[in-house]
Amino acid sequence: MKRKQIKKITTYIFGIIISIALLSSCSDFLEIEPKESVDESVAITDKKSLQTALRGLYRAVGSNSYYGDGFVALGFVPSGDVEFNVNDNLSNFSFRADASEFVSVWASIYSTINIANHILLVTPTLTDVSLTDTERNKAIGEAYFVRALAYFDLARGWGGVPIKTKPTVNIKDEEKIKRSTREETYAFVLNELEEAEKHLGNDINRVRATKSAVWALKARLYLYTQDWDKAAEYATKVINISNAYKLTETYSGWFKNNVTQTQESILEIAYSAQNQNSLRARMTLLTRGGSYRFRPADAVIATLRNPATGGSRVDLLDSATQGGVKQFAGALYYRSPATDPAYVLRLAEQYLIRAESLARQEHLEQARLDINRIRSRANLQDIPTGKSKQELLDIILAERRLEFLWEAHRYFDLVRAGKLQTEVAKLKPNVVVKPYFNVFPIPINEVELGKLEQNPNY
């Protein structure tokens, strides 16, 4: 393709991307009509505009419907541990293909992918003499990483999805791509991470993709694909990076007192007063200026408030009297303005990934030691020796439940452990969790207009 053609196409694409990014602060799902033409000033044509595009890429990851709210809510609400105060569809497992919770998240993740696709198309062709090879490679590596993260999140939520690697030039002319299987999608994610690893250096940057973040996401991917050797290997690679990553001394040390980018963070999404994290309002009590849409369920409140089971993780809870009643809320997000970071990868997960992988392979004492590192930091008693493999796996699942209460893990953990139905039944005996709820419904517009095959029984 000639350079002029690439410039014309990328100018058009980037205009659409910028429009979507500017409108992404709205919580409602919007249908955006693409413009006929776009000013060339918004295209990626040099080092400066490439850096603008990369900032837009991370902003897309942190958008309201992705790690800034929507996708994270899909990870913790349909688990029985969190109630959605204004919409009980997720809380009560009334999964619908036309529900905005699924439609907006799907669209937001694919919008993020489209930005990454655009960067990957254009960056190799840039001729700006001020753009060094190191900077070019880093930009390519970051785009590969974000695209891997996006497809991983799609796969664990919806199963196999259409794999799009070319940027959309015109929405009306968008190529119709059939769904890949979940296995094929995970294989694509691994290939993306391999490419990212080739292009990224060993620097430590907690708000941008790095080689460490690649290794951490590889460990998570291998956990989901049950490659226990590889999961333990890559978790260990991250844990062993000297003077880079370590657990904070106290449990709340990684989020309390307005701290950001602690040594526990491998990757977090940064926000600002101009670009705020919407989870803060939705998690916060009315008396503290929030909308209080997400409420911890009674069972998890009791578990956290019991020193023997919650330890210092009780710091994940906030409380205040509202309407004469003591109410509990999440305390992970609390800043004003809402500049709270969104946590994508942190070191505690790597210890629990390694613990689970070791336990699966019958390395029970090594697994126990990793579990106790996490429990000790939470002021909980050590797990004694002599536990069976299944007992340790159950303990790890319970640790993950509390450790990542307000992060995008619990629903997906229960699904991959085959325990979604049984665990939710303990907390919500009147709610029927059907087996096909192990995946989300493909959004109705993608089925009717995009001709995608719907997940069974939806």
Protein backbone atom coordinates (compact mmCIF):
# COMPACT_ATOMS: atom_id res chain seq x y z
CA MET A 1 0.00 0.00 0.00
CA LYS A 2 1.39 3.44 -0.92
CA ARG A 3 2.26 5.84 1.86
CA LYS A 4 -0.31 8.43 0.68
CA GLN A 5 -3.03 5.78 0.81
CA ILE A 6 -1.99 4.75 4.32
CA LYS A 7 -2.05 8.39 5.41
CA LYS A 8 -5.54 8.92 3.96
CA ILE A 9 -6.90 5.77 5.62
CA THR A 10 -5.27 6.41 8.96
CA THR A 11 -6.45 10.02 9.00
CA TYR A 12 -10.02 8.79 8.65
CA ILE A 13 -9.65 6.04 11.25
CA PHE A 14 -7.99 8.25 13.82
CA GLY A 15 -10.74 10.82 13.44
CA ILE A 16 -13.32 8.17 14.34
CA ILE A 17 -11.17 7.01 17.25
CA ILE A 18 -10.76 10.53 18.64
CA SER A 19 -14.52 11.10 18.39
CA ILE A 20 -15.21 7.87 20.29
CA ALA A 21 -12.60 8.67 22.94
CA LEU A 22 -14.04 12.13 23.54
CA LEU A 23 -17.53 10.69 23.94
CA SER A 24 -16.49 7.74 26.07
CA SER A 25 -16.97 9.68 29.29
CA CYS A 26 -20.72 9.25 28.87
CA SER A 27 -22.03 6.25 30.74
CA ASP A 28 -24.75 5.55 28.18
CA PHE A 29 -23.99 3.50 25.08
CA LEU A 30 -23.92 5.87 22.10
CA GLU A 31 -24.23 5.10 18.43
CA ILE A 32 -21.74 7.31 16.64
CA GLU A 33 -22.12 8.19 12.98
CA PRO A 34 -18.68 8.42 11.31
CA LYS A 35 -17.74 11.70 9.65
CA GLU A 36 -17.29 11.99 5.89
CA SER A 37 -13.85 13.58 6.29
CA VAL A 38 -11.48 14.41 9.10
CA ASP A 39 -8.85 17.10 9.50
CA GLU A 40 -5.38 15.66 8.82
CA SER A 41 -4.14 17.24 12.05
CA VAL A 42 -5.56 14.32 14.06
CA ALA A 43 -3.78 11.60 12.08
CA ILE A 44 -0.67 9.76 13.25
CA THR A 45 1.98 11.40 11.11
CA ASP A 46 4.92 11.94 13.45
CA LYS A 47 6.33 11.24 16.91
CA LYS A 48 4.09 13.76 18.65
CA SER A 49 0.86 12.44 17.15
CA LEU A 50 1.97 8.87 17.85
CA GLN A 51 2.36 9.74 21.53
CA THR A 52 -1.11 11.31 21.45
CA ALA A 53 -2.50 8.09 19.99
CA LEU A 54 -0.80 6.00 22.70
CA ARG A 55 -2.32 8.18 25.41
CA GLY A 56 -5.67 7.67 23.72
CA LEU A 57 -5.07 3.92 23.77
CA TYR A 58 -4.62 3.83 27.55
CA ARG A 59 -7.52 6.20 27.99
CA ALA A 60 -9.65 3.71 26.08
CA VAL A 61 -8.55 0.91 28.42
CA GLY A 62 -9.61 3.11 31.32
CA SER A 63 -12.90 4.22 29.76
CA ASN A 64 -16.18 4.00 31.65
CA SER A 65 -17.17 0.79 29.93
CA TYR A 66 -13.82 -0.97 30.29
CA TYR A 67 -11.47 -0.84 33.30
CA GLY A 68 -13.01 2.44 34.45
CA ASP A 69 -16.25 0.68 35.38
CA GLY A 70 -18.24 -1.59 33.08
CA PHE A 71 -15.93 -4.55 32.56
CA VAL A 72 -14.79 -4.48 36.19
CA ALA A 73 -18.46 -4.63 37.28
CA LEU A 74 -18.96 -7.71 35.09
CA GLY A 75 -16.10 -9.26 37.04
CA PHE A 76 -17.47 -8.68 40.53
CA VAL A 77 -21.27 -8.23 40.40
CA PRO A 78 -22.34 -11.68 39.05
CA SER A 79 -20.53 -13.46 41.88
CA GLY A 80 -22.93 -13.07 44.78
CA ASP A 81 -20.50 -10.80 46.65
CA VAL A 82 -21.66 -7.47 45.23
CA GLU A 83 -25.14 -6.04 44.70
CA PHE A 84 -25.94 -3.61 41.91
CA ASN A 85 -28.32 -1.23 43.69
CA VAL A 86 -29.94 0.33 40.63
CA ASN A 87 -30.07 -2.66 38.31
CA ASP A 88 -30.55 -6.20 39.57
CA ASN A 89 -30.08 -7.94 36.21
CA LEU A 90 -26.45 -8.76 36.89
CA SER A 91 -26.96 -9.42 40.60
CA ASN A 92 -29.80 -11.85 39.90
CA PHE A 93 -28.31 -13.41 36.77
CA SER A 94 -30.86 -12.08 34.35
CA PHE A 95 -28.35 -12.05 31.50
CA ARG A 96 -29.85 -10.54 28.33
CA ALA A 97 -28.28 -10.03 24.94
CA ASP A 98 -29.79 -6.53 24.73
CA ALA A 99 -28.61 -5.46 28.20
CA SER A 100 -26.51 -2.31 28.10
CA GLU A 101 -24.02 -3.85 30.55
CA PHE A 102 -22.89 -6.30 27.87
CA VAL A 103 -23.44 -4.15 24.78
CA SER A 104 -21.41 -1.19 26.03
CA VAL A 105 -18.50 -3.25 27.38
CA TRP A 106 -18.20 -5.25 24.16
CA ALA A 107 -18.23 -2.04 22.09
CA SER A 108 -15.70 -0.34 24.35
CA ILE A 109 -13.24 -3.22 24.18
CA TYR A 110 -13.47 -3.38 20.40
CA SER A 111 -13.01 0.39 20.25
CA THR A 112 -9.79 -0.11 22.22
CA ILE A 113 -8.73 -2.83 19.79
CA ASN A 114 -9.39 -0.51 16.86
CA ILE A 115 -7.00 2.09 18.28
CA ALA A 116 -4.33 -0.56 18.78
CA ASN A 117 -4.89 -1.82 15.23
CA HIS A 118 -4.45 1.71 13.94
CA ILE A 119 -1.18 2.22 15.83
CA LEU A 120 0.16 -1.12 14.62
CA LEU A 121 -0.70 -0.26 11.01
CA VAL A 122 0.89 3.18 10.96
CA THR A 123 3.84 3.14 13.34
CA PRO A 124 6.19 1.03 11.17
CA THR A 125 5.76 3.53 8.30
CA LEU A 126 6.47 6.76 10.20
CA THR A 127 9.47 8.69 8.86
CA ASP A 128 9.86 11.32 11.58
CA VAL A 129 13.64 11.56 12.14
CA SER A 130 13.06 12.45 15.80
CA LEU A 131 11.37 9.06 16.40
CA THR A 132 14.07 6.65 17.55
CA ASP A 133 13.97 2.92 16.89
CA THR A 134 13.57 2.35 20.63
CA GLU A 135 10.54 4.65 20.75
CA ARG A 136 9.03 3.05 17.67
CA ASN A 137 9.49 -0.45 19.06
CA LYS A 138 8.05 0.54 22.41
CA ALA A 139 4.94 2.01 20.75
CA ILE A 140 4.45 -1.19 18.75
CA GLY A 141 4.99 -3.32 21.84
CA GLU A 142 2.47 -1.33 23.86
CA ALA A 143 -0.15 -1.66 21.13
CA TYR A 144 0.41 -5.42 20.93
CA PHE A 145 0.08 -5.70 24.71
CA VAL A 146 -3.17 -3.72 24.91
CA ARG A 147 -4.62 -5.70 22.02
CA ALA A 148 -3.68 -8.92 23.86
CA LEU A 149 -5.32 -7.69 27.07
CA ALA A 150 -8.47 -6.72 25.20
CA TYR A 151 -8.85 -10.08 23.45
CA PHE A 152 -8.07 -11.93 26.67
CA ASP A 153 -10.86 -10.05 28.44
CA LEU A 154 -13.27 -10.71 25.57
CA ALA A 155 -12.40 -14.42 25.56
CA ARG A 156 -12.83 -14.95 29.27
CA GLY A 157 -16.16 -13.14 29.18
CA TRP A 158 -17.76 -14.23 25.92
CA GLY A 159 -15.74 -17.25 24.81
CA GLY A 160 -14.54 -17.17 21.21
CA VAL A 161 -14.86 -13.78 19.48
CA PRO A 162 -14.13 -12.25 16.07
CA ILE A 163 -10.42 -11.48 15.84
CA LYS A 164 -9.96 -8.15 14.09
CA THR A 165 -6.43 -7.05 13.30
CA LYS A 166 -7.15 -4.34 10.75
CA PRO A 167 -8.49 -0.94 11.76
CA THR A 168 -12.02 -0.09 10.69
CA VAL A 169 -11.96 2.59 8.03
CA ASN A 170 -15.70 2.93 7.54
CA ILE A 171 -18.20 1.39 9.94
CA LYS A 172 -20.59 0.67 7.07
CA ASP A 173 -17.90 -1.26 5.24
CA GLU A 174 -16.60 -3.11 8.28
CA GLU A 175 -15.40 -6.59 7.44
CA LYS A 176 -17.66 -9.33 8.75
CA ILE A 177 -15.50 -11.77 10.66
CA LYS A 178 -16.81 -14.97 12.18
CA ARG A 179 -16.20 -15.89 15.78
CA SER A 180 -13.06 -17.81 16.59
CA THR A 181 -13.21 -20.41 19.35
CA ARG A 182 -12.08 -19.49 22.85
CA GLU A 183 -9.00 -21.69 22.38
CA GLU A 184 -8.15 -19.89 19.13
CA THR A 185 -8.65 -16.53 20.79
CA TYR A 186 -6.35 -17.44 23.68
CA ALA A 187 -3.76 -18.67 21.18
CA PHE A 188 -3.98 -15.30 19.42
CA VAL A 189 -3.48 -13.54 22.77
CA LEU A 190 -0.33 -15.56 23.40
CA ASN A 191 1.04 -14.63 19.98
CA GLU A 192 0.28 -10.96 20.70
CA LEU A 193 2.15 -11.16 23.99
CA GLU A 194 5.10 -12.79 22.25
CA GLU A 195 5.22 -9.86 19.82
CA ALA A 196 4.87 -7.35 22.66
CA GLU A 197 7.74 -8.99 24.53
CA LYS A 198 10.01 -8.67 21.48
CA HIS A 199 9.40 -4.93 21.25
CA LEU A 200 9.37 -3.87 24.91
CA GLY A 201 12.36 -3.22 27.14
CA ASN A 202 13.10 -4.01 30.77
CA ASP A 203 12.17 -0.58 32.11
CA ILE A 204 9.73 -0.27 35.01
CA ASN A 205 6.69 1.86 34.23
CA ARG A 206 3.56 1.18 36.26
CA VAL A 207 1.15 3.05 33.98
CA ARG A 208 2.38 1.76 30.62
CA ALA A 209 2.91 -1.71 29.20
CA THR A 210 6.35 -3.16 29.87
CA LYS A 211 8.00 -6.55 29.56
CA SER A 212 7.07 -7.19 33.21
CA ALA A 213 3.41 -6.57 32.39
CA VAL A 214 3.71 -8.99 29.47
CA TRP A 215 5.05 -11.68 31.79
CA ALA A 216 2.30 -11.01 34.35
CA LEU A 217 -0.44 -11.27 31.73
CA LYS A 218 1.19 -14.41 30.34
CA ALA A 219 1.03 -15.94 33.82
CA ARG A 220 -2.69 -15.12 34.00
CA LEU A 221 -3.30 -16.46 30.49
CA TYR A 222 -1.50 -19.74 31.27
CA LEU A 223 -3.57 -20.04 34.46
CA TYR A 224 -6.77 -19.79 32.44
CA THR A 225 -5.51 -22.28 29.85
CA GLN A 226 -4.33 -24.63 32.62
CA ASP A 227 -0.69 -24.69 31.57
CA TRP A 228 0.48 -24.89 35.17
CA ASP A 229 4.21 -25.07 34.42
CA LYS A 230 4.14 -21.92 32.32
CA ALA A 231 1.85 -20.06 34.74
CA ALA A 232 4.25 -20.71 37.61
CA GLU A 233 7.26 -19.88 35.43
CA TYR A 234 6.02 -16.46 34.37
CA ALA A 235 4.64 -15.53 37.78
CA THR A 236 8.08 -16.35 39.19
CA LYS A 237 9.78 -14.19 36.54
CA VAL A 238 7.77 -11.20 37.76
CA ILE A 239 8.20 -11.96 41.45
CA ASN A 240 11.96 -12.33 41.03
CA ILE A 241 12.57 -8.97 39.34
CA SER A 242 14.85 -7.51 41.99
CA ASN A 243 14.05 -4.08 43.46
CA ALA A 244 11.08 -3.63 41.15
CA TYR A 245 8.05 -5.36 42.64
CA LYS A 246 7.16 -6.27 46.19
CA LEU A 247 4.06 -6.48 48.33
CA THR A 248 3.29 -3.39 50.36
CA GLU A 249 3.93 -3.88 54.07
CA THR A 250 0.26 -3.44 54.97
CA TYR A 251 -2.68 -4.69 52.96
CA SER A 252 -4.10 -1.22 52.31
CA GLY A 253 -0.66 0.14 51.48
CA TRP A 254 -1.24 -0.29 47.76
CA PHE A 255 -4.33 1.95 47.66
CA LYS A 256 -4.89 3.99 50.85
CA ASN A 257 -3.66 7.53 51.63
CA ASN A 258 -3.83 8.67 48.01
CA VAL A 259 -0.88 6.52 46.93
CA THR A 260 -0.46 5.46 43.31
CA GLN A 261 2.12 3.38 41.47
CA THR A 262 3.38 1.53 44.53
CA GLN A 263 5.87 -1.30 44.13
CA GLU A 264 2.93 -3.71 44.15
CA SER A 265 1.53 -2.28 40.89
CA ILE A 266 2.63 -3.95 37.70
CA LEU A 267 0.11 -2.04 35.61
CA GLU A 268 -2.52 0.45 36.67
CA ILE A 269 -4.49 2.94 34.60
CA ALA A 270 -3.95 6.58 35.59
CA TYR A 271 -6.73 9.17 35.77
CA SER A 272 -6.79 12.92 36.27
CA ALA A 273 -9.17 15.65 37.38
CA GLN A 274 -10.12 16.05 33.72
CA ASN A 275 -10.41 12.32 33.05
CA GLN A 276 -11.92 10.77 36.18
CA ASN A 277 -12.52 7.18 37.21
CA SER A 278 -16.28 6.61 37.23
CA LEU A 279 -16.04 3.64 39.61
CA ARG A 280 -15.32 6.05 42.44
CA ALA A 281 -18.82 7.59 42.32
CA ARG A 282 -20.61 4.31 41.73
CA MET A 283 -18.88 2.62 44.65
CA THR A 284 -19.05 5.51 47.13
CA LEU A 285 -21.75 6.15 49.73
CA LEU A 286 -24.25 8.95 49.18
CA THR A 287 -23.03 10.71 52.31
CA ARG A 288 -19.56 10.90 50.72
CA GLY A 289 -20.77 12.31 47.43
CA GLY A 290 -21.14 9.06 45.51
CA SER A 291 -24.07 7.46 43.72
CA TYR A 292 -23.69 4.21 45.74
CA ARG A 293 -24.64 1.81 42.96
CA PHE A 294 -22.40 -1.07 44.06
CA ARG A 295 -22.91 -2.50 47.53
CA PRO A 296 -20.99 -5.39 49.13
CA ALA A 297 -23.32 -8.27 50.00
CA ASP A 298 -23.98 -9.10 53.65
CA ALA A 299 -21.99 -12.35 53.55
CA VAL A 300 -18.80 -10.74 52.30
CA ILE A 301 -19.21 -7.86 54.75
CA ALA A 302 -19.40 -10.37 57.61
CA THR A 303 -16.36 -12.26 56.29
CA LEU A 304 -14.27 -9.11 56.00
CA ARG A 305 -15.30 -7.78 59.42
CA ASN A 306 -14.35 -11.03 61.14
CA PRO A 307 -10.65 -10.65 62.09
CA ALA A 308 -10.09 -14.40 61.66
CA THR A 309 -11.23 -14.37 58.03
CA GLY A 310 -10.91 -10.77 56.86
CA GLY A 311 -7.86 -9.57 58.73
CA SER A 312 -6.71 -6.19 57.46
CA ARG A 313 -8.66 -6.64 54.23
CA VAL A 314 -11.53 -5.07 56.16
CA ASP A 315 -9.95 -1.86 54.82
CA LEU A 316 -11.74 -2.65 51.56
CA LEU A 317 -14.96 -1.58 53.31
CA ASP A 318 -16.25 1.90 54.06
CA SER A 319 -19.34 2.59 56.16
CA ALA A 320 -21.59 5.45 57.18
CA THR A 321 -25.09 5.99 58.48
CA GLN A 322 -27.57 6.77 55.72
CA GLY A 323 -31.24 7.27 56.52
CA GLY A 324 -30.65 6.06 60.05
CA VAL A 325 -29.13 2.78 58.84
CA LYS A 326 -25.47 1.80 58.80
CA GLN A 327 -24.52 1.10 55.21
CA PHE A 328 -21.35 -0.45 53.83
CA ALA A 329 -19.60 0.33 50.58
CA GLY A 330 -16.30 -0.28 48.85
CA ALA A 331 -13.28 1.71 49.99
CA LEU A 332 -10.90 0.96 47.11
CA TYR A 333 -11.95 4.13 45.29
CA TYR A 334 -12.34 7.25 47.42
CA ARG A 335 -10.43 10.22 46.02
CA SER A 336 -11.94 13.62 45.26
CA PRO A 337 -11.67 14.40 42.41
CA ALA A 338 -11.86 10.77 41.27
CA THR A 339 -8.26 10.23 40.23
CA ASP A 340 -8.19 6.72 41.71
CA PRO A 341 -6.19 4.37 39.45
CA ALA A 342 -7.74 1.24 37.97
CA TYR A 343 -5.71 -1.83 38.91
CA VAL A 344 -5.05 -4.17 35.98
CA LEU A 345 -2.08 -6.22 37.22
CA ARG A 346 -0.53 -6.32 40.68
CA LEU A 347 1.97 -8.53 42.42
CA ALA A 348 -0.43 -10.22 44.85
CA GLU A 349 -2.07 -11.95 41.90
CA GLN A 350 1.26 -13.35 40.75
CA TYR A 351 1.81 -15.05 44.13
CA LEU A 352 -1.66 -16.59 44.00
CA ILE A 353 -1.22 -17.65 40.38
CA ARG A 354 2.00 -19.39 41.34
CA ALA A 355 0.39 -20.93 44.42
CA GLU A 356 -2.47 -22.37 42.40
CA SER A 357 -0.18 -23.65 39.66
CA LEU A 358 2.08 -25.33 42.19
CA ALA A 359 -0.83 -26.88 44.05
CA ARG A 360 -2.24 -28.26 40.80
CA GLN A 361 1.10 -30.00 40.28
CA GLU A 362 1.17 -31.41 43.84
CA HIS A 363 3.93 -29.04 45.02
CA LEU A 364 1.89 -28.43 48.12
CA GLU A 365 4.50 -27.02 50.49
CA GLN A 366 5.68 -24.45 47.96
CA ALA A 367 2.07 -23.49 47.26
CA ARG A 368 1.40 -23.13 50.99
CA LEU A 369 4.33 -20.73 51.38
CA ASP A 370 3.01 -18.46 48.63
CA ILE A 371 -0.48 -18.47 50.16
CA ASN A 372 0.99 -17.51 53.51
CA ARG A 373 2.87 -14.58 52.00
CA ILE A 374 -0.49 -13.15 50.96
CA ARG A 375 -2.23 -14.06 54.22
CA SER A 376 0.57 -12.66 56.37
CA ARG A 377 0.33 -9.31 54.60
CA ALA A 378 -3.42 -9.34 55.41
CA ASN A 379 -2.74 -10.07 59.11
CA LEU A 380 -4.16 -13.58 58.88
CA GLN A 381 -2.78 -16.75 60.44
CA ASP A 382 -0.61 -19.01 58.31
CA ILE A 383 -2.12 -22.07 56.70
CA PRO A 384 -0.59 -25.04 58.55
CA THR A 385 1.16 -27.94 56.88
CA GLY A 386 -0.68 -31.12 55.99
CA LYS A 387 -3.39 -29.63 53.79
CA SER A 388 -4.46 -31.66 50.78
CA LYS A 389 -4.31 -30.43 47.21
CA GLN A 390 -8.05 -29.73 47.12
CA GLU A 391 -7.96 -27.96 50.47
CA LEU A 392 -5.21 -25.65 49.22
CA LEU A 393 -7.08 -24.95 45.98
CA ASP A 394 -10.19 -24.04 47.97
CA ILE A 395 -8.12 -21.76 50.19
CA ILE A 396 -6.57 -20.04 47.17
CA LEU A 397 -10.02 -19.43 45.67
CA ALA A 398 -11.15 -17.96 48.99
CA GLU A 399 -8.05 -15.75 49.17
CA ARG A 400 -8.66 -14.46 45.66
CA ARG A 401 -12.27 -13.70 46.58
CA LEU A 402 -11.26 -11.21 49.26
CA GLU A 403 -7.92 -10.03 47.88
CA PHE A 404 -9.53 -8.87 44.63
CA LEU A 405 -13.05 -8.04 45.86
CA TRP A 406 -13.36 -4.83 43.83
CA GLU A 407 -11.26 -5.95 40.85
CA ALA A 408 -12.30 -7.90 37.75
CA HIS A 409 -11.67 -11.44 39.01
CA ARG A 410 -14.32 -13.22 41.08
CA TYR A 411 -16.90 -14.14 38.43
CA PHE A 412 -14.16 -15.36 36.09
CA ASP A 413 -12.44 -17.29 38.90
CA LEU A 414 -15.68 -19.10 39.75
CA VAL A 415 -16.30 -19.96 36.10
CA ARG A 416 -12.84 -21.41 35.47
CA ALA A 417 -13.01 -23.32 38.77
CA GLY A 418 -16.39 -24.79 37.76
CA LYS A 419 -17.98 -23.35 40.91
CA LEU A 420 -20.15 -20.49 39.72
CA GLN A 421 -23.41 -22.30 40.39
CA THR A 422 -22.48 -23.81 43.75
CA GLU A 423 -20.83 -20.72 45.24
CA VAL A 424 -23.57 -18.31 44.18
CA ALA A 425 -26.20 -20.74 45.51
CA LYS A 426 -24.64 -20.47 48.98
CA LEU A 427 -25.09 -16.70 48.93
CA LYS A 428 -28.30 -16.46 46.90
CA PRO A 429 -30.34 -19.63 47.29
CA ASN A 430 -33.31 -18.08 45.47
CA VAL A 431 -31.30 -17.19 42.38
CA VAL A 432 -30.99 -19.82 39.65
CA VAL A 433 -27.60 -19.69 37.96
CA LYS A 434 -27.95 -21.68 34.78
CA PRO A 435 -24.89 -23.43 33.33
CA TYR A 436 -24.92 -21.30 30.19
CA PHE A 437 -24.29 -18.20 32.34
CA ASN A 438 -20.64 -19.30 32.33
CA VAL A 439 -20.31 -17.01 29.33
CA PHE A 440 -21.95 -13.68 28.62
CA PRO A 441 -24.47 -13.22 25.80
CA ILE A 442 -23.17 -11.85 22.52
CA PRO A 443 -24.75 -8.36 22.19
CA ILE A 444 -27.95 -8.49 20.18
CA ASN A 445 -26.78 -5.94 17.62
CA GLU A 446 -23.75 -8.12 16.85
CA VAL A 447 -26.03 -11.10 16.28
CA GLU A 448 -28.66 -9.34 14.18
CA LEU A 449 -26.46 -6.92 12.24
CA GLY A 450 -23.04 -8.53 12.48
CA LYS A 451 -24.42 -12.05 11.93
CA LEU A 452 -22.39 -13.48 14.80
CA GLU A 453 -23.38 -16.81 16.28
CA GLN A 454 -25.00 -16.35 19.69
CA ASN A 455 -23.78 -18.27 22.72
CA PRO A 456 -26.02 -21.27 23.48
CA ASN A 457 -29.42 -20.74 25.14
CA TYR A 458 -29.44 -16.94 24.87
